[in-house]
Amino acid sequence: QLVFFGLSNQLVVSFKEENTVAFKHLFLKGYSGADEDDYSCSIYTQQDAYDSIFYVINQYRHLKNISLGTLGYEHEESGLKICKQQYKKGTMLPSNDTLNID
């Protein structure tokens, strides 16, 4: 029974790791997978943030057409809903890592 548990657990771990790599390839702009352990996604400007978000949305919209496996979304019409809230005023105090949002 211990062997069966170990094999079952190993299958779950492999599934998670393989799907994580697949999602990185599908949704992270510029992801090559060359240095898997050292990869980090850095955003330096507002335009970089917008480009990354729009890339994810576009990839998600075309997921059924570009994915090799059984990845997709359930609803044919919308599938993805973006919620956006804007705040009037926000201040950050770097000295004590405090963020105040109105």
N, C-alpha and C. Protein backbone atom coordinates (compact mmCIF):
# COMPACT_ATOMS: atom_id res chain seq x y z
N GLN A 1 0.82 -1.19 0.00
CA GLN A 1 0.00 0.00 0.00
C GLN A 1 0.87 1.25 0.00
N LEU A 2 1.99 1.20 0.67
CA LEU A 2 2.91 2.33 0.68
C LEU A 2 3.44 2.61 -0.73
N VAL A 3 3.74 1.57 -1.49
CA VAL A 3 4.23 1.73 -2.86
C VAL A 3 3.14 2.38 -3.73
N PHE A 4 1.90 1.90 -3.59
CA PHE A 4 0.79 2.50 -4.36
C PHE A 4 0.61 3.97 -4.01
N PHE A 5 0.71 4.31 -2.72
CA PHE A 5 0.60 5.71 -2.30
C PHE A 5 1.73 6.54 -2.91
N GLY A 6 2.94 6.02 -2.86
CA GLY A 6 4.09 6.75 -3.42
C GLY A 6 3.94 6.97 -4.92
N LEU A 7 3.50 5.96 -5.65
CA LEU A 7 3.31 6.10 -7.09
C LEU A 7 2.20 7.10 -7.41
N SER A 8 1.12 7.04 -6.67
CA SER A 8 0.02 7.96 -6.88
C SER A 8 0.45 9.40 -6.59
N ASN A 9 1.18 9.60 -5.51
CA ASN A 9 1.67 10.93 -5.15
C ASN A 9 2.64 11.45 -6.21
N GLN A 10 3.49 10.59 -6.72
CA GLN A 10 4.45 10.98 -7.75
C GLN A 10 3.74 11.42 -9.03
N LEU A 11 2.65 10.75 -9.38
CA LEU A 11 1.87 11.13 -10.56
C LEU A 11 1.24 12.52 -10.38
N VAL A 12 0.76 12.81 -9.19
CA VAL A 12 0.17 14.12 -8.92
C VAL A 12 1.23 15.22 -9.02
N VAL A 13 2.40 14.97 -8.45
CA VAL A 13 3.48 15.95 -8.49
C VAL A 13 3.94 16.18 -9.93
N SER A 14 4.09 15.12 -10.70
CA SER A 14 4.49 15.26 -12.10
C SER A 14 3.45 16.04 -12.90
N PHE A 15 2.18 15.75 -12.68
CA PHE A 15 1.10 16.46 -13.37
C PHE A 15 1.16 17.95 -13.08
N LYS A 16 1.35 18.31 -11.80
CA LYS A 16 1.42 19.72 -11.41
C LYS A 16 2.61 20.40 -12.05
N GLU A 17 3.78 19.78 -12.00
CA GLU A 17 4.98 20.39 -12.56
C GLU A 17 4.86 20.57 -14.07
N GLU A 18 4.35 19.57 -14.76
CA GLU A 18 4.23 19.66 -16.22
C GLU A 18 3.20 20.71 -16.63
N ASN A 19 2.11 20.83 -15.88
CA ASN A 19 1.12 21.85 -16.18
C ASN A 19 1.64 23.25 -15.87
N THR A 20 2.43 23.39 -14.83
CA THR A 20 3.01 24.69 -14.51
C THR A 20 3.92 25.16 -15.65
N VAL A 21 4.74 24.28 -16.17
CA VAL A 21 5.61 24.63 -17.30
C VAL A 21 4.77 24.98 -18.52
N ALA A 22 3.71 24.21 -18.78
CA ALA A 22 2.85 24.48 -19.93
C ALA A 22 2.19 25.85 -19.80
N PHE A 23 1.69 26.18 -18.62
CA PHE A 23 1.05 27.48 -18.42
C PHE A 23 2.05 28.62 -18.53
N LYS A 24 3.28 28.41 -18.08
CA LYS A 24 4.30 29.45 -18.25
C LYS A 24 4.56 29.70 -19.73
N HIS A 25 4.66 28.64 -20.51
CA HIS A 25 4.87 28.79 -21.96
C HIS A 25 3.68 29.49 -22.62
N LEU A 26 2.48 29.18 -22.16
CA LEU A 26 1.29 29.74 -22.78
C LEU A 26 1.03 31.19 -22.38
N PHE A 27 1.29 31.55 -21.12
CA PHE A 27 0.81 32.83 -20.62
C PHE A 27 1.87 33.86 -20.25
N LEU A 28 3.13 33.48 -20.12
CA LEU A 28 4.16 34.46 -19.79
C LEU A 28 4.84 34.95 -21.05
N LYS A 29 4.71 36.21 -21.31
CA LYS A 29 5.28 36.81 -22.52
C LYS A 29 6.79 36.71 -22.48
N GLY A 30 7.38 36.16 -23.53
CA GLY A 30 8.82 36.06 -23.63
C GLY A 30 9.43 34.89 -22.88
N TYR A 31 8.61 33.99 -22.38
CA TYR A 31 9.13 32.85 -21.63
C TYR A 31 9.76 31.85 -22.59
N SER A 32 11.02 31.48 -22.32
CA SER A 32 11.69 30.52 -23.19
C SER A 32 11.90 29.18 -22.50
N GLY A 33 11.96 29.18 -21.18
CA GLY A 33 12.17 27.95 -20.44
C GLY A 33 13.62 27.50 -20.40
N ALA A 34 14.53 28.33 -20.93
CA ALA A 34 15.94 27.95 -20.98
C ALA A 34 16.52 27.77 -19.58
N ASP A 35 16.28 28.72 -18.71
CA ASP A 35 16.76 28.66 -17.32
C ASP A 35 15.56 28.57 -16.40
N GLU A 36 14.96 27.41 -16.35
CA GLU A 36 13.72 27.21 -15.60
C GLU A 36 13.84 27.65 -14.14
N ASP A 37 14.94 27.32 -13.48
CA ASP A 37 15.08 27.65 -12.06
C ASP A 37 15.35 29.13 -11.84
N ASP A 38 15.97 29.79 -12.80
CA ASP A 38 16.35 31.19 -12.63
C ASP A 38 15.37 32.17 -13.26
N TYR A 39 14.28 31.67 -13.86
CA TYR A 39 13.38 32.55 -14.59
C TYR A 39 12.59 33.43 -13.63
N SER A 40 12.54 34.69 -13.95
CA SER A 40 11.67 35.61 -13.22
C SER A 40 11.05 36.56 -14.24
N CYS A 41 9.86 36.98 -13.96
CA CYS A 41 9.14 37.88 -14.86
C CYS A 41 9.20 39.27 -14.25
N SER A 42 9.92 40.16 -14.88
CA SER A 42 10.09 41.52 -14.36
C SER A 42 9.31 42.51 -15.21
N ILE A 43 8.65 43.42 -14.54
CA ILE A 43 7.91 44.49 -15.20
C ILE A 43 8.44 45.80 -14.64
N TYR A 44 8.86 46.69 -15.55
CA TYR A 44 9.51 47.92 -15.12
C TYR A 44 8.68 49.17 -15.39
N THR A 45 7.76 49.11 -16.34
CA THR A 45 6.98 50.29 -16.68
C THR A 45 5.50 49.93 -16.74
N GLN A 46 4.67 50.97 -16.78
CA GLN A 46 3.23 50.74 -16.92
C GLN A 46 2.95 50.03 -18.24
N GLN A 47 3.66 50.41 -19.30
CA GLN A 47 3.43 49.79 -20.60
C GLN A 47 3.79 48.30 -20.56
N ASP A 48 4.88 47.93 -19.84
CA ASP A 48 5.22 46.52 -19.68
C ASP A 48 4.10 45.75 -18.99
N ALA A 49 3.50 46.38 -17.97
CA ALA A 49 2.40 45.74 -17.25
C ALA A 49 1.21 45.54 -18.17
N TYR A 50 0.85 46.59 -18.92
CA TYR A 50 -0.28 46.48 -19.85
C TYR A 50 -0.01 45.43 -20.93
N ASP A 51 1.20 45.44 -21.47
CA ASP A 51 1.55 44.45 -22.50
C ASP A 51 1.43 43.03 -21.98
N SER A 52 1.89 42.80 -20.76
CA SER A 52 1.81 41.47 -20.16
C SER A 52 0.38 41.04 -19.92
N ILE A 53 -0.44 41.97 -19.43
CA ILE A 53 -1.85 41.65 -19.17
C ILE A 53 -2.58 41.36 -20.48
N PHE A 54 -2.36 42.20 -21.49
CA PHE A 54 -3.03 41.98 -22.78
C PHE A 54 -2.55 40.70 -23.44
N TYR A 55 -1.29 40.34 -23.23
CA TYR A 55 -0.77 39.08 -23.77
C TYR A 55 -1.50 37.89 -23.15
N VAL A 56 -1.68 37.93 -21.83
CA VAL A 56 -2.39 36.84 -21.14
C VAL A 56 -3.82 36.75 -21.64
N ILE A 57 -4.49 37.90 -21.76
CA ILE A 57 -5.88 37.90 -22.22
C ILE A 57 -5.97 37.33 -23.64
N ASN A 58 -5.08 37.75 -24.51
CA ASN A 58 -5.09 37.26 -25.90
C ASN A 58 -4.82 35.76 -25.96
N GLN A 59 -3.84 35.30 -25.19
CA GLN A 59 -3.54 33.87 -25.15
C GLN A 59 -4.73 33.08 -24.63
N TYR A 60 -5.38 33.60 -23.61
CA TYR A 60 -6.54 32.92 -23.04
C TYR A 60 -7.68 32.83 -24.04
N ARG A 61 -7.88 33.93 -24.79
CA ARG A 61 -8.95 33.94 -25.80
C ARG A 61 -8.71 32.89 -26.88
N HIS A 62 -7.45 32.60 -27.19
CA HIS A 62 -7.12 31.65 -28.25
C HIS A 62 -6.68 30.28 -27.70
N LEU A 63 -6.94 30.03 -26.44
CA LEU A 63 -6.44 28.84 -25.77
C LEU A 63 -6.86 27.54 -26.45
N LYS A 64 -8.10 27.47 -26.89
CA LYS A 64 -8.57 26.24 -27.53
C LYS A 64 -7.86 25.98 -28.85
N ASN A 65 -7.41 27.04 -29.51
CA ASN A 65 -6.75 26.89 -30.81
C ASN A 65 -5.25 26.65 -30.70
N ILE A 66 -4.63 27.13 -29.62
CA ILE A 66 -3.17 27.04 -29.54
C ILE A 66 -2.67 25.93 -28.62
N SER A 67 -3.51 25.45 -27.71
CA SER A 67 -3.03 24.44 -26.76
C SER A 67 -3.07 23.06 -27.40
N LEU A 68 -2.09 22.27 -27.05
CA LEU A 68 -1.99 20.91 -27.58
C LEU A 68 -2.88 19.95 -26.79
N GLY A 69 -3.03 20.22 -25.50
CA GLY A 69 -3.80 19.33 -24.64
C GLY A 69 -5.26 19.73 -24.56
N THR A 70 -5.87 19.37 -23.48
CA THR A 70 -7.30 19.60 -23.29
C THR A 70 -7.56 20.87 -22.49
N LEU A 71 -6.79 21.90 -22.74
CA LEU A 71 -6.98 23.16 -22.03
C LEU A 71 -8.03 23.98 -22.75
N GLY A 72 -8.90 24.59 -21.97
CA GLY A 72 -9.93 25.43 -22.55
C GLY A 72 -10.75 26.04 -21.44
N TYR A 73 -11.73 26.82 -21.82
CA TYR A 73 -12.61 27.41 -20.84
C TYR A 73 -14.02 26.92 -21.10
N GLU A 74 -14.85 27.03 -20.09
CA GLU A 74 -16.14 26.36 -20.12
C GLU A 74 -17.18 27.10 -20.96
N HIS A 75 -17.25 28.40 -20.85
CA HIS A 75 -18.29 29.17 -21.53
C HIS A 75 -17.80 29.62 -22.90
N GLU A 76 -18.59 29.38 -23.90
CA GLU A 76 -18.22 29.73 -25.28
C GLU A 76 -18.20 31.25 -25.48
N GLU A 77 -19.11 31.97 -24.84
CA GLU A 77 -19.25 33.39 -25.13
C GLU A 77 -18.20 34.26 -24.45
N SER A 78 -18.07 34.17 -23.14
CA SER A 78 -17.18 35.11 -22.46
C SER A 78 -15.92 34.44 -21.92
N GLY A 79 -16.02 33.49 -21.06
CA GLY A 79 -14.86 32.76 -20.58
C GLY A 79 -13.93 33.52 -19.66
N LEU A 80 -13.79 34.82 -19.84
CA LEU A 80 -12.84 35.58 -19.03
C LEU A 80 -13.48 36.91 -18.69
N LYS A 81 -13.41 37.27 -17.43
CA LYS A 81 -13.97 38.54 -16.98
C LYS A 81 -12.88 39.31 -16.25
N ILE A 82 -12.65 40.53 -16.68
CA ILE A 82 -11.64 41.38 -16.07
C ILE A 82 -12.35 42.41 -15.19
N CYS A 83 -11.94 42.48 -13.94
CA CYS A 83 -12.49 43.48 -13.02
C CYS A 83 -11.40 44.50 -12.73
N LYS A 84 -11.75 45.75 -12.85
CA LYS A 84 -10.76 46.81 -12.64
C LYS A 84 -11.35 47.85 -11.70
N GLN A 85 -10.59 48.21 -10.70
CA GLN A 85 -10.98 49.27 -9.78
C GLN A 85 -9.87 50.29 -9.75
N GLN A 86 -10.26 51.54 -9.71
CA GLN A 86 -9.26 52.59 -9.58
C GLN A 86 -9.50 53.33 -8.27
N TYR A 87 -8.44 53.74 -7.66
CA TYR A 87 -8.52 54.47 -6.41
C TYR A 87 -8.15 55.92 -6.65
N LYS A 88 -8.74 56.81 -5.86
CA LYS A 88 -8.51 58.24 -6.05
C LYS A 88 -7.08 58.64 -5.67
N LYS A 89 -6.62 58.15 -4.54
CA LYS A 89 -5.32 58.59 -4.07
C LYS A 89 -4.62 57.46 -3.33
N GLY A 90 -3.36 57.31 -3.58
CA GLY A 90 -2.58 56.30 -2.87
C GLY A 90 -1.20 56.84 -2.54
N THR A 91 -0.72 56.52 -1.36
CA THR A 91 0.63 56.94 -0.96
C THR A 91 1.37 55.75 -0.41
N MET A 92 2.68 55.78 -0.61
CA MET A 92 3.53 54.70 -0.11
C MET A 92 4.67 55.32 0.67
N LEU A 93 4.90 54.78 1.84
CA LEU A 93 6.01 55.22 2.67
C LEU A 93 7.08 54.13 2.66
N PRO A 94 8.15 54.32 1.86
CA PRO A 94 9.19 53.29 1.75
C PRO A 94 9.92 53.02 3.07
N SER A 95 9.92 53.99 3.97
CA SER A 95 10.66 53.82 5.21
C SER A 95 10.14 52.67 6.06
N ASN A 96 8.82 52.49 6.05
CA ASN A 96 8.25 51.40 6.85
C ASN A 96 7.34 50.49 6.03
N ASP A 97 7.46 50.53 4.70
CA ASP A 97 6.68 49.68 3.80
C ASP A 97 5.18 49.78 4.03
N THR A 98 4.69 51.01 4.22
CA THR A 98 3.27 51.24 4.44
C THR A 98 2.65 51.74 3.16
N LEU A 99 1.48 51.20 2.82
CA LEU A 99 0.74 51.61 1.64
C LEU A 99 -0.64 52.06 2.08
N ASN A 100 -0.99 53.32 1.82
CA ASN A 100 -2.29 53.87 2.16
C ASN A 100 -3.05 54.14 0.88
N ILE A 101 -4.22 53.51 0.73
CA ILE A 101 -5.04 53.69 -0.46
C ILE A 101 -6.38 54.26 -0.05
N ASP A 102 -6.78 55.34 -0.72
CA ASP A 102 -8.06 55.97 -0.45
C ASP A 102 -9.15 55.12 -1.09
